[in-house]
Protein backbone atom coordinates (compact mmCIF):
# COMPACT_ATOMS: atom_id res chain seq x y z
CA MET A 1 -6.82 44.59 18.25
CA LEU A 2 -7.94 41.06 19.17
CA HIS A 3 -9.37 40.50 15.68
CA ARG A 4 -6.21 41.70 13.95
CA TYR A 5 -3.57 40.31 16.27
CA GLY A 6 -5.31 37.28 17.81
CA THR A 7 -3.10 34.82 15.91
CA PHE A 8 0.05 36.61 17.11
CA VAL A 9 -1.27 36.49 20.68
CA ILE A 10 -1.71 32.73 20.41
CA LEU A 11 1.84 32.30 19.07
CA ILE A 12 3.44 34.50 21.74
CA ALA A 13 1.50 32.75 24.50
CA LEU A 14 2.66 29.37 23.25
CA LEU A 15 6.28 30.54 23.03
CA ILE A 16 6.16 31.75 26.63
CA VAL A 17 4.56 28.55 27.90
CA ALA A 18 6.95 26.34 25.92
CA ALA A 19 10.02 28.24 27.12
CA SER A 20 8.86 27.96 30.73
CA MET A 21 8.19 24.23 30.36
CA SER A 22 11.59 23.27 28.99
CA ASP A 23 15.04 24.80 28.82
CA VAL A 24 15.60 22.91 25.58
CA PHE A 25 12.82 24.65 23.65
CA LEU A 26 14.64 27.91 22.82
CA THR A 27 17.88 26.22 21.79
CA GLN A 28 18.88 26.69 18.17
CA ARG A 29 18.86 22.96 17.52
CA ASN A 30 15.29 22.52 18.74
CA LEU A 31 13.93 25.58 16.92
CA VAL A 32 15.53 24.46 13.65
CA ASN A 33 14.05 21.02 14.21
CA VAL A 34 10.57 22.53 14.65
CA LEU A 35 10.91 24.49 11.40
CA ARG A 36 12.21 21.43 9.56
CA GLN A 37 9.29 19.33 10.78
CA ILE A 38 6.64 21.85 9.66
CA SER A 39 8.20 22.44 6.24
CA GLY A 40 6.01 19.85 4.50
CA THR A 41 2.79 20.88 6.23
CA SER A 42 3.52 24.53 5.49
CA LEU A 43 3.61 23.89 1.73
CA MET A 44 0.23 22.15 1.89
CA ALA A 45 -1.13 24.99 4.05
CA VAL A 46 -0.18 27.58 1.41
CA GLY A 47 -2.07 25.66 -1.26
CA MET A 48 -4.99 25.19 1.13
CA LEU A 49 -5.06 28.93 1.78
CA PHE A 50 -5.60 29.66 -1.92
CA VAL A 51 -8.44 27.13 -2.06
CA ILE A 52 -10.13 28.36 1.12
CA LEU A 53 -9.94 31.96 -0.09
CA THR A 54 -12.28 30.94 -2.93
CA ARG A 55 -14.69 29.35 -0.41
CA GLY A 56 -13.46 25.86 -1.27
CA ILE A 57 -11.73 23.02 0.55
CA ASP A 58 -9.17 20.43 -0.53
CA LEU A 59 -9.17 17.15 1.38
CA SER A 60 -6.85 15.43 -1.07
CA VAL A 61 -3.55 17.15 -0.22
CA GLY A 62 -2.27 14.40 2.09
CA SER A 63 -2.92 11.69 -0.49
CA ILE A 64 -1.40 13.78 -3.28
CA ALA A 65 1.69 14.19 -1.10
CA ALA A 66 1.95 10.39 -0.89
CA LEU A 67 1.57 10.13 -4.67
CA GLY A 68 4.32 12.71 -5.19
CA SER A 69 6.53 10.80 -2.76
CA VAL A 70 6.29 7.41 -4.47
CA ILE A 71 6.50 8.80 -8.02
CA SER A 72 9.67 10.75 -7.25
CA ALA A 73 11.22 7.77 -5.41
CA ILE A 74 10.52 5.40 -8.30
CA LEU A 75 11.53 7.65 -11.19
CA ILE A 76 14.75 8.81 -9.61
CA GLN A 77 16.00 5.22 -9.86
CA GLN A 78 16.01 5.51 -13.67
CA TYR A 79 15.97 9.20 -14.55
CA SER A 80 17.55 12.44 -13.44
CA PRO A 81 16.37 14.21 -10.26
CA GLY A 82 14.80 16.95 -12.39
CA VAL A 83 12.67 14.46 -14.31
CA ALA A 84 11.62 12.62 -11.14
CA ILE A 85 10.70 15.78 -9.25
CA GLY A 86 9.05 17.35 -12.28
CA ALA A 87 6.90 14.28 -12.95
CA ALA A 88 5.83 14.13 -9.30
CA VAL A 89 4.72 17.76 -9.07
CA ILE A 90 3.01 17.57 -12.48
CA ALA A 91 1.07 14.54 -11.24
CA GLY A 92 0.02 16.56 -8.21
CA GLY A 93 -1.03 19.45 -10.40
CA LEU A 94 -3.07 17.10 -12.60
CA CYS A 95 -4.89 15.74 -9.56
CA GLY A 96 -5.66 19.30 -8.55
CA ALA A 97 -6.81 20.10 -12.08
CA VAL A 98 -9.28 17.21 -12.04
CA SER A 99 -10.71 18.26 -8.69
CA GLY A 100 -10.75 21.92 -9.67
CA GLY A 101 -12.36 21.24 -13.02
CA LEU A 102 -15.17 19.27 -11.43
CA VAL A 103 -15.73 21.99 -8.83
CA ALA A 104 -15.38 24.97 -11.15
CA TYR A 105 -17.10 23.80 -14.32
CA LEU A 106 -19.52 21.12 -13.15
CA LYS A 107 -20.32 22.87 -9.85
CA LEU A 108 -19.73 19.75 -7.78
CA PRO A 109 -19.29 20.31 -4.01
CA PRO A 110 -15.60 20.79 -3.14
CA PHE A 111 -15.87 18.64 -0.03
CA VAL A 112 -17.20 15.59 -1.88
CA THR A 113 -15.01 16.09 -4.97
CA THR A 114 -11.75 16.38 -3.08
CA LEU A 115 -12.77 13.54 -0.77
CA ALA A 116 -13.06 11.36 -3.87
CA MET A 117 -9.67 12.60 -5.10
CA MET A 118 -8.21 11.82 -1.69
CA THR A 119 -9.24 8.20 -2.12
CA ILE A 120 -8.09 8.04 -5.76
CA ALA A 121 -4.66 9.57 -5.11
CA ARG A 122 -4.04 7.35 -2.11
CA GLY A 123 -5.06 4.28 -4.10
CA LEU A 124 -2.79 5.27 -6.98
CA SER A 125 0.12 5.72 -4.60
CA TYR A 126 -0.39 2.17 -3.28
CA ILE A 127 -0.68 0.82 -6.83
CA VAL A 128 2.46 2.59 -8.02
CA SER A 129 4.47 1.49 -4.99
CA THR A 130 2.82 -1.99 -4.79
CA GLY A 131 2.16 -1.16 -1.16
CA GLN A 132 5.86 -1.27 -0.26
CA PRO A 133 8.23 1.48 0.92
CA ILE A 134 10.61 2.55 -1.84
CA VAL A 135 14.18 3.01 -0.62
CA MET A 136 15.94 5.43 -2.97
CA GLY A 137 19.48 4.49 -1.97
CA GLU A 138 22.38 6.08 -3.82
CA ALA A 139 20.17 7.01 -6.78
CA GLY A 140 18.24 9.37 -4.52
CA ALA A 141 21.30 11.15 -3.18
CA PHE A 142 20.12 14.47 -4.60
CA ILE A 143 16.75 14.32 -2.84
CA THR A 144 18.12 12.99 0.45
CA GLY A 145 20.89 15.57 0.29
CA PHE A 146 18.24 18.25 0.04
CA GLY A 147 16.52 16.92 3.16
CA SER A 148 19.70 16.72 5.23
CA GLY A 149 21.70 19.60 3.72
CA SER A 150 21.81 23.26 4.59
CA LEU A 151 22.92 26.65 3.32
CA ILE A 152 24.77 28.88 5.79
CA GLY A 153 23.35 26.71 8.55
CA ILE A 154 19.73 26.87 7.35
CA PRO A 155 18.31 23.51 6.19
CA TYR A 156 17.14 23.46 2.59
CA PRO A 157 13.53 22.48 3.46
CA ILE A 158 13.25 25.63 5.59
CA ILE A 159 14.65 27.75 2.75
CA LEU A 160 12.12 26.21 0.35
CA MET A 161 9.33 26.93 2.84
CA ALA A 162 10.40 30.56 3.08
CA ILE A 163 10.55 30.92 -0.71
CA VAL A 164 7.06 29.45 -1.18
CA PHE A 165 5.58 31.71 1.49
CA ALA A 166 7.31 34.75 -0.02
CA ILE A 167 6.01 33.98 -3.51
CA ALA A 168 2.49 33.31 -2.20
CA GLY A 169 2.53 36.55 -0.25
CA ILE A 170 3.57 38.55 -3.30
CA VAL A 171 0.94 36.84 -5.48
CA LEU A 172 -1.90 37.51 -3.04
CA ALA A 173 -0.89 41.07 -2.20
CA PHE A 174 0.40 42.50 -5.46
CA THR A 175 -1.03 40.59 -8.42
CA ARG A 176 -4.35 40.59 -10.24
CA PHE A 177 -4.63 36.85 -9.68
CA GLY A 178 -4.38 37.23 -5.91
CA ARG A 179 -6.93 40.02 -5.76
CA LEU A 180 -9.39 38.05 -7.88
CA VAL A 181 -8.97 34.92 -5.75
CA LYS A 182 -10.00 36.90 -2.68
CA ALA A 183 -12.82 38.60 -4.58
CA ILE A 184 -14.22 35.26 -5.75
CA GLY A 185 -14.40 34.07 -2.17
CA SER A 186 -16.16 37.25 -1.09
CA ASN A 187 -18.70 37.42 -3.93
CA ALA A 188 -18.23 35.08 -6.88
CA GLU A 189 -21.39 36.28 -8.62
CA ALA A 190 -20.24 39.90 -8.62
CA VAL A 191 -16.90 38.86 -10.07
CA ARG A 192 -18.63 36.81 -12.76
CA LEU A 193 -20.86 39.73 -13.72
CA SER A 194 -17.73 41.84 -14.11
CA GLY A 195 -16.68 39.59 -16.99
CA ILE A 196 -14.06 37.61 -15.07
CA PRO A 197 -13.84 33.84 -15.86
CA VAL A 198 -14.49 32.69 -12.30
CA ALA A 199 -14.26 28.99 -13.19
CA HIS A 200 -10.75 29.47 -14.59
CA TYR A 201 -9.46 31.05 -11.40
CA THR A 202 -11.27 28.54 -9.20
CA MET A 203 -9.68 25.64 -11.05
CA SER A 204 -6.27 27.33 -10.83
CA VAL A 205 -6.21 27.36 -7.02
CA TYR A 206 -6.80 23.60 -6.91
CA VAL A 207 -3.93 23.11 -9.35
CA ILE A 208 -1.71 25.18 -7.06
CA SER A 209 -2.83 23.12 -4.08
CA GLY A 210 -2.07 19.83 -5.84
CA PHE A 211 1.31 21.09 -7.04
CA LEU A 212 2.38 22.17 -3.55
CA ALA A 213 1.02 18.99 -1.96
CA ALA A 214 3.17 16.84 -4.26
CA LEU A 215 6.15 19.06 -3.48
CA ALA A 216 5.45 18.55 0.23
CA GLY A 217 5.53 14.79 -0.36
CA ILE A 218 8.95 15.08 -1.97
CA VAL A 219 10.18 17.14 1.01
CA SER A 220 8.96 14.42 3.38
CA THR A 221 10.73 11.80 1.26
CA SER A 222 13.94 13.83 1.32
CA ARG A 223 14.00 13.65 5.12
CA THR A 224 13.62 9.87 5.30
CA GLY A 225 15.11 8.68 2.00
CA VAL A 226 12.05 6.49 1.51
CA GLY A 227 9.04 6.99 -0.76
CA SER A 228 5.91 5.73 0.93
CA ALA A 229 2.19 5.61 0.20
CA ASN A 230 1.60 6.19 3.91
CA ILE A 231 3.00 9.71 3.84
CA GLY A 232 0.54 12.50 4.56
CA VAL A 233 -2.16 10.53 6.36
CA GLY A 234 -4.27 13.18 8.10
CA ALA A 235 -2.07 16.00 6.75
CA GLU A 236 -5.07 17.67 5.11
CA LEU A 237 -6.52 18.29 8.58
CA ASP A 238 -3.27 19.89 9.76
CA ALA A 239 -3.22 22.13 6.68
CA ILE A 240 -6.83 23.21 7.19
CA ALA A 241 -6.24 23.78 10.91
CA ALA A 242 -3.17 25.93 10.20
CA VAL A 243 -5.07 28.12 7.74
CA VAL A 244 -8.06 28.54 10.06
CA ILE A 245 -5.92 29.18 13.14
CA GLY A 246 -4.28 31.86 11.01
CA GLY A 247 -7.62 33.64 10.84
CA ALA A 248 -8.79 32.63 7.37
CA SER A 249 -12.53 32.30 6.94
CA LEU A 250 -13.97 29.04 5.64
CA MET A 251 -16.58 31.23 3.97
CA GLY A 252 -13.84 32.59 1.71
CA GLY A 253 -12.40 35.99 0.93
CA ARG A 254 -10.37 36.44 4.13
CA GLY A 255 -6.93 35.12 4.96
CA GLY A 256 -3.26 35.91 4.62
CA VAL A 257 0.09 34.24 4.09
CA ILE A 258 1.75 35.59 7.25
CA ASN A 259 -1.11 34.44 9.45
CA THR A 260 -1.06 31.03 7.77
CA LEU A 261 2.64 30.75 8.56
CA ILE A 262 1.85 31.58 12.18
CA GLY A 263 -0.88 28.94 12.15
CA VAL A 264 1.63 26.32 10.98
CA LEU A 265 4.10 27.47 13.64
CA VAL A 266 1.40 27.15 16.31
CA LEU A 267 0.77 23.53 15.34
CA GLY A 268 4.49 22.79 15.20
CA ILE A 269 5.17 24.36 18.59
CA ILE A 270 2.28 22.48 20.20
CA ALA A 271 3.61 19.18 18.86
CA ASN A 272 7.13 20.04 19.99
CA MET A 273 5.93 21.05 23.47
CA MET A 274 4.18 17.72 23.92
CA ASN A 275 7.23 15.80 22.71
CA LEU A 276 9.46 17.65 25.16
CA ALA A 277 6.94 16.97 27.92
CA ARG A 278 6.94 13.29 26.87
CA VAL A 279 3.20 13.23 26.40
CA PRO A 280 2.15 9.81 24.96
CA GLY A 281 1.23 9.80 21.27
CA TYR A 282 -2.47 9.06 21.70
CA HIS A 283 -2.81 11.74 24.36
CA GLN A 284 -1.15 14.22 22.03
CA GLN A 285 -4.03 13.92 19.58
CA VAL A 286 -6.55 14.82 22.30
CA PHE A 287 -4.52 17.80 23.52
CA MET A 288 -3.90 18.99 19.97
CA GLY A 289 -7.62 18.94 19.21
CA CYS A 290 -8.49 20.81 22.39
CA ILE A 291 -5.88 23.49 21.73
CA ILE A 292 -7.11 23.94 18.16
CA ILE A 293 -10.67 24.39 19.46
CA GLY A 294 -9.38 26.97 21.91
CA ALA A 295 -7.63 28.84 19.10
CA MET A 296 -10.83 28.77 17.06
CA LEU A 297 -12.83 30.14 20.00
CA LEU A 298 -10.37 33.02 20.28
CA GLN A 299 -10.78 33.78 16.59
CA TYR A 300 -14.58 33.59 16.96
CA ALA A 301 -14.50 35.92 19.95
CA SER A 302 -12.39 38.42 18.01
CA THR A 303 -14.98 38.42 15.22
CA ILE A 304 -17.81 39.04 17.70
CA PHE A 305 -15.90 41.92 19.29
CA LYS A 306 -15.23 43.44 15.87
CA ARG A 307 -18.97 43.49 15.18
């Protein structure tokens, strides 16, 4: 029970504590605000889940988000929103393809490879933006409208988050691709001996991660109306933490979309609790780290009990 439902226990405990700490927490406005704030991180977490399932890691997602942000903000000044958004997510996918190709075909360590891509993508975002924030203005009305608009009272970023999680859940649970991704993480050699092109699938998950990271950058830009190379600093750690809090194994082969969503919610609720409690920013980082360690210890204990 602890192994299967540990992540839910963490979420419920946090909800109870947060509700007891502040009367504002359970208001519709605050809950919608929490979901809106985690929408970007959640997209990166989905991509990270696919990578971690193959026993990989992607440290470049935060930098790719920044690259997607500045590319979309620049191109929308001259081209249609579709062209700007399409170019940004394609750039993210290409970054993922480079990392994935090096990992899958040249057998380079994922940690080092994506660390290098993190530096490259961040540098490119500064070069493209000349180190300055890019205000989209009226030309970016479509993107800013997405960030501030809603459908039947539900903000568009939250709807996009739900769609991405739904698609990812269907892919992992009901498609050949999803089953093979999990199998590669469990035993890549066995999959290879079965005649499956392991390198192809391994590269694919990094492309997915890069694509979603760039999309997350656009979502962040839509909320502020400004493309910035400083977007996504440290976001890769939040994405990894969300996936691991959700019970995914860094050794690959184990993890799920619903639990990853709960992991993102846990991080969002913790941040919201500390904001409502007016905890200073620097102190928040310490508390966040301690709570993440506690969540990891609970997951570790559940594994021990299962054995």
